[in-house]
C-alpha atoms as a PDB file:
ATOM      1  CA  MET A   1       0.129 -29.243 -58.103  1.00  0.00           C
ATOM      2  CA  SER A   2      -2.710 -26.742 -58.065  1.00  0.00           C
ATOM      3  CA  GLN A   3      -3.702 -25.257 -54.694  1.00  0.00           C
ATOM      4  CA  THR A   4      -7.380 -25.251 -53.659  1.00  0.00           C
ATOM      5  CA  PRO A   5      -9.272 -24.217 -50.509  1.00  0.00           C
ATOM      6  CA  PHE A   6      -9.068 -27.894 -49.548  1.00  0.00           C
ATOM      7  CA  GLY A   7      -5.372 -28.473 -50.127  1.00  0.00           C
ATOM      8  CA  VAL A   8      -3.664 -29.491 -53.337  1.00  0.00           C
ATOM      9  CA  GLU A   9      -5.030 -31.511 -56.210  1.00  0.00           C
ATOM     10  CA  ILE A  10      -3.560 -35.014 -55.931  1.00  0.00           C
ATOM     11  CA  TRP A  11      -5.662 -37.124 -58.325  1.00  0.00           C
ATOM     12  CA  ARG A  12      -7.905 -36.683 -61.359  1.00  0.00           C
ATOM     13  CA  GLY A  13      -9.835 -39.293 -63.306  1.00  0.00           C
ATOM     14  CA  GLY A  14     -13.269 -40.774 -63.823  1.00  0.00           C
ATOM     15  CA  VAL A  15     -15.575 -43.736 -63.266  1.00  0.00           C
ATOM     16  CA  THR A  16     -15.494 -46.738 -65.588  1.00  0.00           C
ATOM     17  CA  PRO A  17     -18.321 -49.292 -65.947  1.00  0.00           C
ATOM     18  CA  TRP A  18     -16.140 -52.088 -64.561  1.00  0.00           C
ATOM     19  CA  GLN A  19     -15.755 -50.143 -61.292  1.00  0.00           C
ATOM     20  CA  CYS A  20     -19.524 -50.149 -60.751  1.00  0.00           C
ATOM     21  CA  ASP A  21     -21.687 -52.730 -59.007  1.00  0.00           C
ATOM     22  CA  GLU A  22     -25.284 -53.923 -59.368  1.00  0.00           C
ATOM     23  CA  MET A  23     -26.471 -50.661 -57.798  1.00  0.00           C
ATOM     24  CA  GLY A  24     -25.211 -48.842 -60.883  1.00  0.00           C
ATOM     25  CA  HIS A  25     -22.638 -46.728 -59.035  1.00  0.00           C
ATOM     26  CA  MET A  26     -18.919 -46.951 -58.272  1.00  0.00           C
ATOM     27  CA  ASN A  27     -18.269 -49.694 -55.753  1.00  0.00           C
ATOM     28  CA  VAL A  28     -16.969 -48.582 -52.350  1.00  0.00           C
ATOM     29  CA  GLN A  29     -13.604 -50.289 -52.762  1.00  0.00           C
ATOM     30  CA  PHE A  30     -12.632 -47.904 -55.561  1.00  0.00           C
ATOM     31  CA  TYR A  31     -13.031 -44.823 -53.361  1.00  0.00           C
ATOM     32  CA  LEU A  32     -10.180 -46.175 -51.251  1.00  0.00           C
ATOM     33  CA  ALA A  33      -8.277 -47.265 -54.361  1.00  0.00           C
ATOM     34  CA  ILE A  34      -8.400 -43.647 -55.538  1.00  0.00           C
ATOM     35  CA  ALA A  35      -7.370 -42.468 -52.072  1.00  0.00           C
ATOM     36  CA  THR A  36      -4.399 -44.846 -52.145  1.00  0.00           C
ATOM     37  CA  GLU A  37      -3.274 -43.414 -55.481  1.00  0.00           C
ATOM     38  CA  GLY A  38      -3.916 -39.889 -54.254  1.00  0.00           C
ATOM     39  CA  MET A  39      -1.871 -40.473 -51.116  1.00  0.00           C
ATOM     40  CA  ALA A  40       1.241 -40.715 -53.296  1.00  0.00           C
ATOM     41  CA  GLY A  41       0.489 -37.212 -54.564  1.00  0.00           C
ATOM     42  CA  LEU A  42      -0.062 -35.899 -51.058  1.00  0.00           C
ATOM     43  CA  ALA A  43       3.194 -37.533 -49.921  1.00  0.00           C
ATOM     44  CA  ALA A  44       4.993 -35.752 -52.768  1.00  0.00           C
ATOM     45  CA  ALA A  45       3.503 -32.433 -51.625  1.00  0.00           C
ATOM     46  CA  LEU A  46       4.974 -33.214 -48.197  1.00  0.00           C
ATOM     47  CA  GLY A  47       8.431 -33.667 -49.702  1.00  0.00           C
ATOM     48  CA  LEU A  48       8.281 -37.467 -49.996  1.00  0.00           C
ATOM     49  CA  PRO A  49       7.910 -38.085 -53.753  1.00  0.00           C
ATOM     50  CA  HIS A  50       9.204 -41.668 -53.521  1.00  0.00           C
ATOM     51  CA  ALA A  51       7.294 -42.694 -50.393  1.00  0.00           C
ATOM     52  CA  TYR A  52       5.479 -45.505 -52.191  1.00  0.00           C
ATOM     53  CA  SER A  53       8.345 -46.722 -54.371  1.00  0.00           C
ATOM     54  CA  PRO A  54      10.005 -50.075 -53.579  1.00  0.00           C
ATOM     55  CA  GLY A  55      13.355 -48.395 -52.809  1.00  0.00           C
ATOM     56  CA  ALA A  56      11.925 -45.729 -50.479  1.00  0.00           C
ATOM     57  CA  SER A  57      13.861 -44.875 -47.328  1.00  0.00           C
ATOM     58  CA  SER A  58      10.602 -43.980 -45.562  1.00  0.00           C
ATOM     59  CA  THR A  59       6.915 -44.288 -46.257  1.00  0.00           C
ATOM     60  CA  ILE A  60       3.548 -43.184 -44.887  1.00  0.00           C
ATOM     61  CA  LEU A  61       1.524 -46.000 -43.352  1.00  0.00           C
ATOM     62  CA  ALA A  62      -2.228 -45.802 -42.792  1.00  0.00           C
ATOM     63  CA  ARG A  63      -3.320 -46.791 -39.298  1.00  0.00           C
ATOM     64  CA  GLU A  64      -6.976 -45.874 -39.609  1.00  0.00           C
ATOM     65  CA  HIS A  65      -9.475 -44.702 -42.230  1.00  0.00           C
ATOM     66  CA  HIS A  66     -12.734 -42.842 -41.802  1.00  0.00           C
ATOM     67  CA  VAL A  67     -14.803 -42.373 -44.963  1.00  0.00           C
ATOM     68  CA  ARG A  68     -17.993 -40.450 -45.648  1.00  0.00           C
ATOM     69  CA  PHE A  69     -19.604 -41.513 -48.933  1.00  0.00           C
ATOM     70  CA  LEU A  70     -21.505 -38.397 -49.952  1.00  0.00           C
ATOM     71  CA  LYS A  71     -22.807 -38.594 -53.522  1.00  0.00           C
ATOM     72  CA  GLU A  72     -22.815 -41.650 -55.729  1.00  0.00           C
ATOM     73  CA  ALA A  73     -20.559 -41.712 -58.778  1.00  0.00           C
ATOM     74  CA  ARG A  74     -21.989 -43.388 -61.871  1.00  0.00           C
ATOM     75  CA  PRO A  75     -20.200 -44.509 -65.058  1.00  0.00           C
ATOM     76  CA  GLY A  76     -18.667 -41.771 -67.140  1.00  0.00           C
ATOM     77  CA  VAL A  77     -18.518 -39.030 -64.516  1.00  0.00           C
ATOM     78  CA  GLY A  78     -15.320 -37.098 -63.850  1.00  0.00           C
ATOM     79  CA  LEU A  79     -13.769 -36.970 -60.382  1.00  0.00           C
ATOM     80  CA  VAL A  80     -11.043 -34.847 -58.768  1.00  0.00           C
ATOM     81  CA  MET A  81      -9.307 -35.413 -55.431  1.00  0.00           C
ATOM     82  CA  THR A  82      -7.592 -32.854 -53.216  1.00  0.00           C
ATOM     83  CA  GLY A  83      -5.546 -33.460 -50.098  1.00  0.00           C
ATOM     84  CA  GLY A  84      -4.357 -31.577 -47.042  1.00  0.00           C
ATOM     85  CA  VAL A  85      -3.184 -31.903 -43.449  1.00  0.00           C
ATOM     86  CA  LEU A  86      -5.555 -31.681 -40.483  1.00  0.00           C
ATOM     87  CA  SER A  87      -2.859 -32.143 -37.852  1.00  0.00           C
ATOM     88  CA  ILE A  88       0.726 -33.370 -37.606  1.00  0.00           C
ATOM     89  CA  GLY A  89       2.848 -34.657 -34.743  1.00  0.00           C
ATOM     90  CA  GLU A  90       6.421 -35.798 -34.366  1.00  0.00           C
ATOM     91  CA  SER A  91       5.981 -38.908 -36.532  1.00  0.00           C
ATOM     92  CA  ASP A  92       2.226 -39.105 -37.119  1.00  0.00           C
ATOM     93  CA  ALA A  93      -0.433 -37.032 -38.872  1.00  0.00           C
ATOM     94  CA  VAL A  94      -4.113 -36.861 -39.750  1.00  0.00           C
ATOM     95  CA  LEU A  95      -4.628 -36.294 -43.468  1.00  0.00           C
ATOM     96  CA  LEU A  96      -7.812 -35.403 -45.341  1.00  0.00           C
ATOM     97  CA  GLN A  97      -8.587 -36.330 -48.932  1.00  0.00           C
ATOM     98  CA  LEU A  98     -11.707 -34.933 -50.574  1.00  0.00           C
ATOM     99  CA  LEU A  99     -13.128 -36.459 -53.733  1.00  0.00           C
ATOM    100  CA  PHE A 100     -15.264 -34.121 -55.847  1.00  0.00           C
ATOM    101  CA  HIS A 101     -17.458 -34.595 -58.880  1.00  0.00           C
ATOM    102  CA  ALA A 102     -16.384 -32.480 -61.860  1.00  0.00           C
ATOM    103  CA  SER A 103     -19.426 -30.331 -61.023  1.00  0.00           C
ATOM    104  CA  GLY A 104     -17.811 -29.453 -57.686  1.00  0.00           C
ATOM    105  CA  GLU A 105     -20.180 -31.535 -55.544  1.00  0.00           C
ATOM    106  CA  PRO A 106     -18.418 -33.618 -52.868  1.00  0.00           C
ATOM    107  CA  ALA A 107     -18.407 -37.351 -53.637  1.00  0.00           C
ATOM    108  CA  ALA A 108     -16.497 -38.613 -50.590  1.00  0.00           C
ATOM    109  CA  ALA A 109     -14.287 -37.506 -47.716  1.00  0.00           C
ATOM    110  CA  ILE A 110     -11.459 -39.768 -46.527  1.00  0.00           C
ATOM    111  CA  THR A 111      -9.698 -39.006 -43.240  1.00  0.00           C
ATOM    112  CA  THR A 112      -6.579 -41.068 -42.612  1.00  0.00           C
ATOM    113  CA  ARG A 113      -4.478 -41.396 -39.473  1.00  0.00           C
ATOM    114  CA  VAL A 114      -0.962 -42.102 -40.658  1.00  0.00           C
ATOM    115  CA  VAL A 115       2.512 -42.657 -39.273  1.00  0.00           C
ATOM    116  CA  HIS A 116       5.928 -42.006 -40.856  1.00  0.00           C
ATOM    117  CA  VAL A 117       7.735 -45.361 -40.846  1.00  0.00           C
ATOM    118  CA  THR A 118      10.608 -47.374 -42.258  1.00  0.00           C
ATOM    119  CA  PRO A 119       9.297 -49.449 -45.210  1.00  0.00           C
ATOM    120  CA  GLY A 120      10.551 -52.803 -43.960  1.00  0.00           C
ATOM    121  CA  GLU A 121      10.202 -52.892 -40.174  1.00  0.00           C
ATOM    122  CA  LEU A 122       7.412 -50.293 -40.037  1.00  0.00           C
ATOM    123  CA  LYS A 123       9.310 -48.500 -37.292  1.00  0.00           C
ATOM    124  CA  ALA A 124       8.000 -44.997 -36.635  1.00  0.00           C
ATOM    125  CA  PHE A 125      10.477 -42.111 -36.778  1.00  0.00           C
ATOM    126  CA  PRO A 126      10.200 -38.306 -36.917  1.00  0.00           C
ATOM    127  CA  TRP A 127       9.234 -36.310 -39.966  1.00  0.00           C
ATOM    128  CA  THR A 128      12.013 -34.201 -41.444  1.00  0.00           C
ATOM    129  CA  ARG A 129      12.072 -30.452 -40.854  1.00  0.00           C
ATOM    130  CA  SER A 130      11.325 -30.010 -44.553  1.00  0.00           C
ATOM    131  CA  THR A 131       8.155 -32.116 -44.313  1.00  0.00           C
ATOM    132  CA  LEU A 132       6.997 -30.263 -41.191  1.00  0.00           C
ATOM    133  CA  SER A 133       7.549 -26.959 -42.990  1.00  0.00           C
ATOM    134  CA  LEU A 134       5.657 -28.122 -46.091  1.00  0.00           C
ATOM    135  CA  ALA A 135       2.840 -29.421 -43.896  1.00  0.00           C
ATOM    136  CA  GLU A 136       2.273 -25.905 -42.548  1.00  0.00           C
ATOM    137  CA  GLY A 137       1.344 -24.774 -46.042  1.00  0.00           C
ATOM    138  CA  LEU A 138      -1.029 -27.725 -46.462  1.00  0.00           C
ATOM    139  CA  MET A 139      -3.030 -27.259 -43.259  1.00  0.00           C
ATOM    140  CA  ILE A 140      -6.789 -27.250 -43.853  1.00  0.00           C
ATOM    141  CA  ASP A 141      -9.963 -27.455 -41.797  1.00  0.00           C
ATOM    142  CA  ALA A 142     -12.325 -30.371 -42.296  1.00  0.00           C
ATOM    143  CA  PRO A 143     -15.678 -29.301 -43.753  1.00  0.00           C
ATOM    144  CA  ASP A 144     -18.728 -30.486 -41.835  1.00  0.00           C
ATOM    145  CA  TYR A 145     -19.511 -33.135 -44.449  1.00  0.00           C
ATOM    146  CA  ALA A 146     -16.143 -34.821 -43.772  1.00  0.00           C
ATOM    147  CA  LYS A 147     -16.705 -35.213 -40.027  1.00  0.00           C
ATOM    148  CA  PRO A 148     -17.966 -38.419 -38.356  1.00  0.00           C
ATOM    149  CA  ARG A 149     -21.712 -38.788 -38.226  1.00  0.00           C
ATOM    150  CA  GLY A 150     -22.884 -42.374 -37.801  1.00  0.00           C
ATOM    151  CA  VAL A 151     -19.784 -44.080 -36.432  1.00  0.00           C
ATOM    152  CA  SER A 152     -17.594 -43.345 -33.444  1.00  0.00           C
ATOM    153  CA  THR A 153     -13.945 -42.449 -34.013  1.00  0.00           C
ATOM    154  CA  ALA A 154     -12.959 -42.902 -30.363  1.00  0.00           C
ATOM    155  CA  PRO A 155      -9.721 -44.823 -29.714  1.00  0.00           C
ATOM    156  CA  VAL A 156     -10.128 -48.601 -29.805  1.00  0.00           C
ATOM    157  CA  VAL A 157      -8.355 -51.456 -28.067  1.00  0.00           C
ATOM    158  CA  THR A 158      -9.614 -54.346 -30.153  1.00  0.00           C
ATOM    159  CA  GLY A 159     -10.881 -57.591 -28.743  1.00  0.00           C
ATOM    160  CA  ALA A 160     -11.158 -59.159 -32.180  1.00  0.00           C
ATOM    161  CA  SER A 161      -9.773 -62.669 -32.589  1.00  0.00           C
ATOM    162  CA  LEU A 162     -10.811 -66.004 -34.021  1.00  0.00           C
ATOM    163  CA  LYS A 163     -11.603 -67.222 -30.505  1.00  0.00           C
ATOM    164  CA  ALA A 164     -13.745 -64.155 -29.771  1.00  0.00           C
ATOM    165  CA  ALA A 165     -15.568 -64.539 -33.094  1.00  0.00           C
ATOM    166  CA  GLU A 166     -16.456 -68.122 -32.205  1.00  0.00           C
ATOM    167  CA  ALA A 167     -17.630 -67.088 -28.750  1.00  0.00           C
ATOM    168  CA  LEU A 168     -19.896 -64.388 -30.243  1.00  0.00           C
ATOM    169  CA  GLY A 169     -21.211 -66.712 -32.927  1.00  0.00           C
ATOM    170  CA  LEU A 170     -20.020 -64.451 -35.749  1.00  0.00           C
ATOM    171  CA  PRO A 171     -20.396 -66.357 -39.020  1.00  0.00           C
ATOM    172  CA  VAL A 172     -17.746 -66.618 -41.703  1.00  0.00           C
ATOM    173  CA  THR A 173     -18.864 -64.203 -44.432  1.00  0.00           C
ATOM    174  CA  ALA A 174     -15.776 -64.161 -46.663  1.00  0.00           C
ATOM    175  CA  ALA A 175     -12.595 -66.200 -46.927  1.00  0.00           C
ATOM    176  CA  GLY A 176      -9.638 -66.426 -49.262  1.00  0.00           C
ATOM    177  CA  SER A 177      -6.059 -65.293 -49.624  1.00  0.00           C
ATOM    178  CA  LEU A 178      -4.080 -62.318 -50.866  1.00  0.00           C
ATOM    179  CA  GLY A 179      -2.463 -62.328 -54.290  1.00  0.00           C
ATOM    180  CA  PRO A 180       0.328 -60.094 -55.607  1.00  0.00           C
ATOM    181  CA  ALA A 181      -2.200 -57.785 -57.291  1.00  0.00           C
ATOM    182  CA  ASP A 182      -3.870 -57.214 -53.908  1.00  0.00           C
ATOM    183  CA  CYS A 183      -0.663 -55.779 -52.446  1.00  0.00           C
ATOM    184  CA  ASP A 184       1.348 -52.559 -52.758  1.00  0.00           C
ATOM    185  CA  ALA A 185       4.961 -51.977 -53.800  1.00  0.00           C
ATOM    186  CA  PHE A 186       6.133 -53.270 -50.407  1.00  0.00           C
ATOM    187  CA  GLY A 187       4.096 -56.453 -50.686  1.00  0.00           C
ATOM    188  CA  ARG A 188       1.479 -55.419 -48.102  1.00  0.00           C
ATOM    189  CA  MET A 189      -2.278 -55.599 -48.513  1.00  0.00           C
ATOM    190  CA  ARG A 190      -3.777 -52.506 -50.100  1.00  0.00           C
ATOM    191  CA  PRO A 191      -6.484 -50.836 -47.933  1.00  0.00           C
ATOM    192  CA  GLU A 192      -9.189 -51.152 -50.581  1.00  0.00           C
ATOM    193  CA  GLN A 193      -8.928 -54.929 -50.285  1.00  0.00           C
ATOM    194  CA  VAL A 194     -10.783 -54.680 -46.979  1.00  0.00           C
ATOM    195  CA  LEU A 195     -13.757 -52.989 -48.641  1.00  0.00           C
ATOM    196  CA  ALA A 196     -13.566 -55.453 -51.518  1.00  0.00           C
ATOM    197  CA  ARG A 197     -13.914 -58.331 -49.036  1.00  0.00           C
ATOM    198  CA  ILE A 198     -16.690 -56.533 -47.155  1.00  0.00           C
ATOM    199  CA  TYR A 199     -18.591 -56.086 -50.424  1.00  0.00           C
ATOM    200  CA  SER A 200     -18.285 -59.818 -51.063  1.00  0.00           C
ATOM    201  CA  THR A 201     -20.148 -60.497 -47.783  1.00  0.00           C
ATOM    202  CA  VAL A 202     -23.351 -58.799 -48.955  1.00  0.00           C
ATOM    203  CA  GLY A 203     -24.946 -61.944 -50.353  1.00  0.00           C
ATOM    204  CA  HIS A 204     -24.423 -63.694 -47.032  1.00  0.00           C
ATOM    205  CA  VAL A 205     -25.372 -61.025 -44.481  1.00  0.00           C
ATOM    206  CA  PHE A 206     -28.180 -59.270 -46.384  1.00  0.00           C
ATOM    207  CA  SER A 207     -29.938 -62.103 -48.232  1.00  0.00           C
ATOM    208  CA  LYS A 208     -32.298 -63.211 -45.426  1.00  0.00           C
ATOM    209  CA  SER A 209     -33.542 -59.751 -44.429  1.00  0.00           C
ATOM    210  CA  GLN A 210     -33.712 -58.667 -48.088  1.00  0.00           C
ATOM    211  CA  ALA A 211     -35.894 -61.648 -48.948  1.00  0.00           C
ATOM    212  CA  GLN A 212     -38.139 -60.914 -45.960  1.00  0.00           C
ATOM    213  CA  ALA A 213     -38.536 -57.289 -47.056  1.00  0.00           C
ATOM    214  CA  LEU A 214     -39.465 -58.281 -50.607  1.00  0.00           C
ATOM    215  CA  ALA A 215     -41.931 -60.880 -49.353  1.00  0.00           C
ATOM    216  CA  ALA A 216     -43.657 -58.182 -47.299  1.00  0.00           C
ATOM    217  CA  ALA A 217     -43.507 -55.605 -50.118  1.00  0.00           C
ATOM    218  CA  PRO A 218     -43.312 -57.294 -53.555  1.00  0.00           C
ATOM    219  CA  GLU A 219     -43.557 -53.865 -55.196  1.00  0.00           C
ATOM    220  CA  LEU A 220     -39.960 -53.223 -54.079  1.00  0.00           C
ATOM    221  CA  LYS A 221     -38.618 -56.004 -56.308  1.00  0.00           C
ATOM    222  CA  GLY A 222     -36.034 -54.530 -58.640  1.00  0.00           C
ATOM    223  CA  ARG A 223     -36.055 -51.296 -56.634  1.00  0.00           C
ATOM    224  CA  LEU A 224     -34.575 -52.264 -53.263  1.00  0.00           C
ATOM    225  CA  GLY A 225     -30.865 -51.656 -52.949  1.00  0.00           C
ATOM    226  CA  GLY A 226     -28.336 -50.192 -50.576  1.00  0.00           C
ATOM    227  CA  ALA A 227     -25.654 -47.541 -50.448  1.00  0.00           C
ATOM    228  CA  ALA A 228     -22.760 -47.223 -48.001  1.00  0.00           C
ATOM    229  CA  VAL A 229     -22.636 -43.825 -46.320  1.00  0.00           C
ATOM    230  CA  GLU A 230     -19.890 -44.167 -43.704  1.00  0.00           C
ATOM    231  CA  TYR A 231     -16.946 -46.441 -42.963  1.00  0.00           C
ATOM    232  CA  ARG A 232     -14.245 -46.815 -40.358  1.00  0.00           C
ATOM    233  CA  ALA A 233     -11.324 -49.230 -40.561  1.00  0.00           C
ATOM    234  CA  ILE A 234      -8.521 -49.831 -38.071  1.00  0.00           C
ATOM    235  CA  TYR A 235      -5.415 -51.617 -39.355  1.00  0.00           C
ATOM    236  CA  HIS A 236      -3.830 -53.919 -36.795  1.00  0.00           C
ATOM    237  CA  ALA A 237      -1.437 -55.826 -39.081  1.00  0.00           C
ATOM    238  CA  TRP A 238      -0.694 -56.038 -42.782  1.00  0.00           C
ATOM    239  CA  GLY A 239      -1.119 -59.264 -44.698  1.00  0.00           C
ATOM    240  CA  LYS A 240       1.157 -60.117 -47.607  1.00  0.00           C
ATOM    241  CA  ALA A 241       0.733 -62.136 -50.791  1.00  0.00           C
ATOM    242  CA  GLY A 242      -0.104 -65.713 -49.877  1.00  0.00           C
ATOM    243  CA  ASP A 243      -1.575 -64.866 -46.473  1.00  0.00           C
ATOM    244  CA  ARG A 244      -5.036 -66.235 -45.793  1.00  0.00           C
ATOM    245  CA  LEU A 245      -7.996 -64.067 -44.798  1.00  0.00           C
ATOM    246  CA  GLN A 246     -11.249 -64.829 -43.047  1.00  0.00           C
ATOM    247  CA  MET A 247     -14.051 -62.315 -42.518  1.00  0.00           C
ATOM    248  CA  ARG A 248     -16.421 -62.596 -39.567  1.00  0.00           C
ATOM    249  CA  SER A 249     -19.374 -60.195 -39.600  1.00  0.00           C
ATOM    250  CA  GLY A 250     -22.280 -59.159 -37.423  1.00  0.00           C
ATOM    251  CA  HIS A 251     -25.070 -56.592 -37.307  1.00  0.00           C
ATOM    252  CA  ARG A 252     -24.606 -53.841 -34.757  1.00  0.00           C
ATOM    253  CA  ALA A 253     -27.907 -52.120 -35.652  1.00  0.00           C
ATOM    254  CA  LEU A 254     -30.857 -52.282 -38.034  1.00  0.00           C
ATOM    255  CA  THR A 255     -33.345 -49.417 -38.470  1.00  0.00           C
ATOM    256  CA  PRO A 256     -36.038 -48.643 -41.082  1.00  0.00           C
ATOM    257  CA  LYS A 257     -33.483 -46.398 -42.813  1.00  0.00           C
ATOM    258  CA  SER A 258     -30.149 -48.114 -42.390  1.00  0.00           C
ATOM    259  CA  ARG A 259     -28.048 -50.965 -41.096  1.00  0.00           C
ATOM    260  CA  SER A 260     -24.662 -51.036 -39.388  1.00  0.00           C
ATOM    261  CA  LEU A 261     -22.301 -53.988 -39.541  1.00  0.00           C
ATOM    262  CA  VAL A 262     -18.978 -54.714 -37.895  1.00  0.00           C
ATOM    263  CA  HIS A 263     -16.498 -56.850 -39.808  1.00  0.00           C
ATOM    264  CA  TRP A 264     -13.409 -58.566 -38.427  1.00  0.00           C
ATOM    265  CA  LEU A 265     -10.848 -59.497 -41.067  1.00  0.00           C
ATOM    266  CA  LEU A 266      -8.815 -62.198 -39.346  1.00  0.00           C
ATOM    267  CA  ASP A 267      -5.735 -64.309 -39.941  1.00  0.00           C
ATOM    268  CA  PRO A 268      -7.213 -67.827 -39.628  1.00  0.00           C
ATOM    269  CA  THR A 269      -3.758 -69.273 -38.947  1.00  0.00           C
ATOM    270  CA  SER A 270      -2.802 -67.115 -35.942  1.00  0.00           C
ATOM    271  CA  GLY A 271      -6.350 -66.077 -35.013  1.00  0.00           C
ATOM    272  CA  ARG A 272      -5.266 -62.438 -34.787  1.00  0.00           C
ATOM    273  CA  PRO A 273      -6.978 -59.527 -36.581  1.00  0.00           C
ATOM    274  CA  TRP A 274      -5.661 -57.929 -39.739  1.00  0.00           C
ATOM    275  CA  VAL A 275      -8.351 -55.221 -39.790  1.00  0.00           C
ATOM    276  CA  THR A 276     -11.523 -54.367 -37.906  1.00  0.00           C
ATOM    277  CA  ALA A 277     -14.131 -52.218 -39.621  1.00  0.00           C
ATOM    278  CA  GLU A 278     -17.632 -50.817 -39.367  1.00  0.00           C
ATOM    279  CA  ILE A 279     -19.799 -49.803 -42.302  1.00  0.00           C
ATOM    280  CA  VAL A 280     -23.163 -48.029 -42.286  1.00  0.00           C
ATOM    281  CA  SER A 281     -25.431 -48.324 -45.315  1.00  0.00           C
ATOM    282  CA  LEU A 282     -28.800 -46.820 -46.204  1.00  0.00           C
ATOM    283  CA  PHE A 283     -31.643 -48.584 -47.946  1.00  0.00           C
ATOM    284  CA  LEU A 284     -31.809 -47.219 -51.492  1.00  0.00           C
ATOM    285  CA  ASP A 285     -34.637 -46.891 -54.003  1.00  0.00           C
ATOM    286  CA  LEU A 286     -32.855 -47.823 -57.227  1.00  0.00           C
ATOM    287  CA  GLN A 287     -35.525 -46.275 -59.448  1.00  0.00           C
ATOM    288  CA  GLU A 288     -35.639 -42.894 -57.775  1.00  0.00           C
ATOM    289  CA  ARG A 289     -31.937 -42.962 -56.720  1.00  0.00           C
ATOM    290  CA  ARG A 290     -32.709 -41.793 -53.206  1.00  0.00           C
ATOM    291  CA  SER A 291     -32.653 -43.197 -49.700  1.00  0.00           C
ATOM    292  CA  LEU A 292     -35.598 -45.353 -48.688  1.00  0.00           C
ATOM    293  CA  THR A 293     -37.377 -45.621 -45.333  1.00  0.00           C
ATOM    294  CA  MET A 294     -38.881 -49.064 -44.905  1.00  0.00           C
ATOM    295  CA  PRO A 295     -42.631 -48.988 -44.181  1.00  0.00           C
ATOM    296  CA  GLU A 296     -43.424 -50.186 -40.656  1.00  0.00           C
ATOM    297  CA  ALA A 297     -44.901 -53.504 -41.817  1.00  0.00           C
ATOM    298  CA  VAL A 298     -41.902 -54.212 -44.045  1.00  0.00           C
ATOM    299  CA  PHE A 299     -39.402 -53.408 -41.328  1.00  0.00           C
ATOM    300  CA  ALA A 300     -41.317 -55.594 -38.877  1.00  0.00           C
ATOM    301  CA  ALA A 301     -40.954 -58.501 -41.299  1.00  0.00           C
ATOM    302  CA  MET A 302     -37.169 -58.113 -41.475  1.00  0.00           C
ATOM    303  CA  SER A 303     -34.986 -59.928 -38.982  1.00  0.00           C
ATOM    304  CA  VAL A 304     -31.265 -60.029 -38.344  1.00  0.00           C
ATOM    305  CA  ASP A 305     -29.204 -61.439 -35.503  1.00  0.00           C
ATOM    306  CA  LEU A 306     -27.971 -58.369 -33.641  1.00  0.00           C
ATOM    307  CA  VAL A 307     -24.745 -58.973 -31.705  1.00  0.00           C
ATOM    308  CA  PRO A 308     -24.856 -56.985 -28.453  1.00  0.00           C
ATOM    309  CA  GLY A 309     -21.569 -55.327 -27.594  1.00  0.00           C
ATOM    310  CA  LEU A 310     -19.937 -56.065 -30.951  1.00  0.00           C
ATOM    311  CA  GLU A 311     -17.008 -53.672 -31.203  1.00  0.00           C
ATOM    312  CA  LEU A 312     -14.091 -52.883 -33.468  1.00  0.00           C
END
């Protein structure tokens, strides 16, 4: 593995057309798919080359993700990911993965809070001395563009549940179940599945306000889009193949430049949360490929049901 100022190179590849959405750029779920692949490389650099193999004696489990989406990636571009350690404790760590365009421009920054666990019971236990020693050589500082900007990363005690969603009036925005392809080598849901389900909510949570904006400004037809810029996910439990999922979503904020939504991915059988997440997206001018500030009259015409106090 080659050493860089931002750790070691842990992934290299590119963007395919099938990874892109109607905005013409790589869909958000694939940033985390790349990070999941890259985490195996970072684990190897920490002396755990088989951490994500079915027969592993220990693995590295994500407890929380924070992602800054920095520069869109369109079909055909090359991407490179590096990884390093921001901090490490007795059995936990904070890891940073940076995704760069081949030109060297940052594409995304993924900060992951992880814990060293047994693969089956997910019981935390200490890192080995070898891993702690290797981690010293992988310590890096987070660049400013990787740090939180639009979402809080304060500790959370979630109140998410099916009962709470009903009480808040949060609508069902996605529902389904996990298949084998949605899960990792241990049979647990892959983190990118959360973003995949969030993406599938767009037609439900954006359609009304989008239609209102276009009615107020017909000239935006074919030009009005959106781009995620920041994301936080907290993993409370891990679904397996066959488990059902239900997404409940609500707007936390809407401004002329952006919107923020909180999503609760719930187990509709037990009512407990699998994952709680927040995503911030900018309005995007698809012709000029830049962020868009809604004119005052257009923003005034848009309406969403804000949910006061909606938390992760």
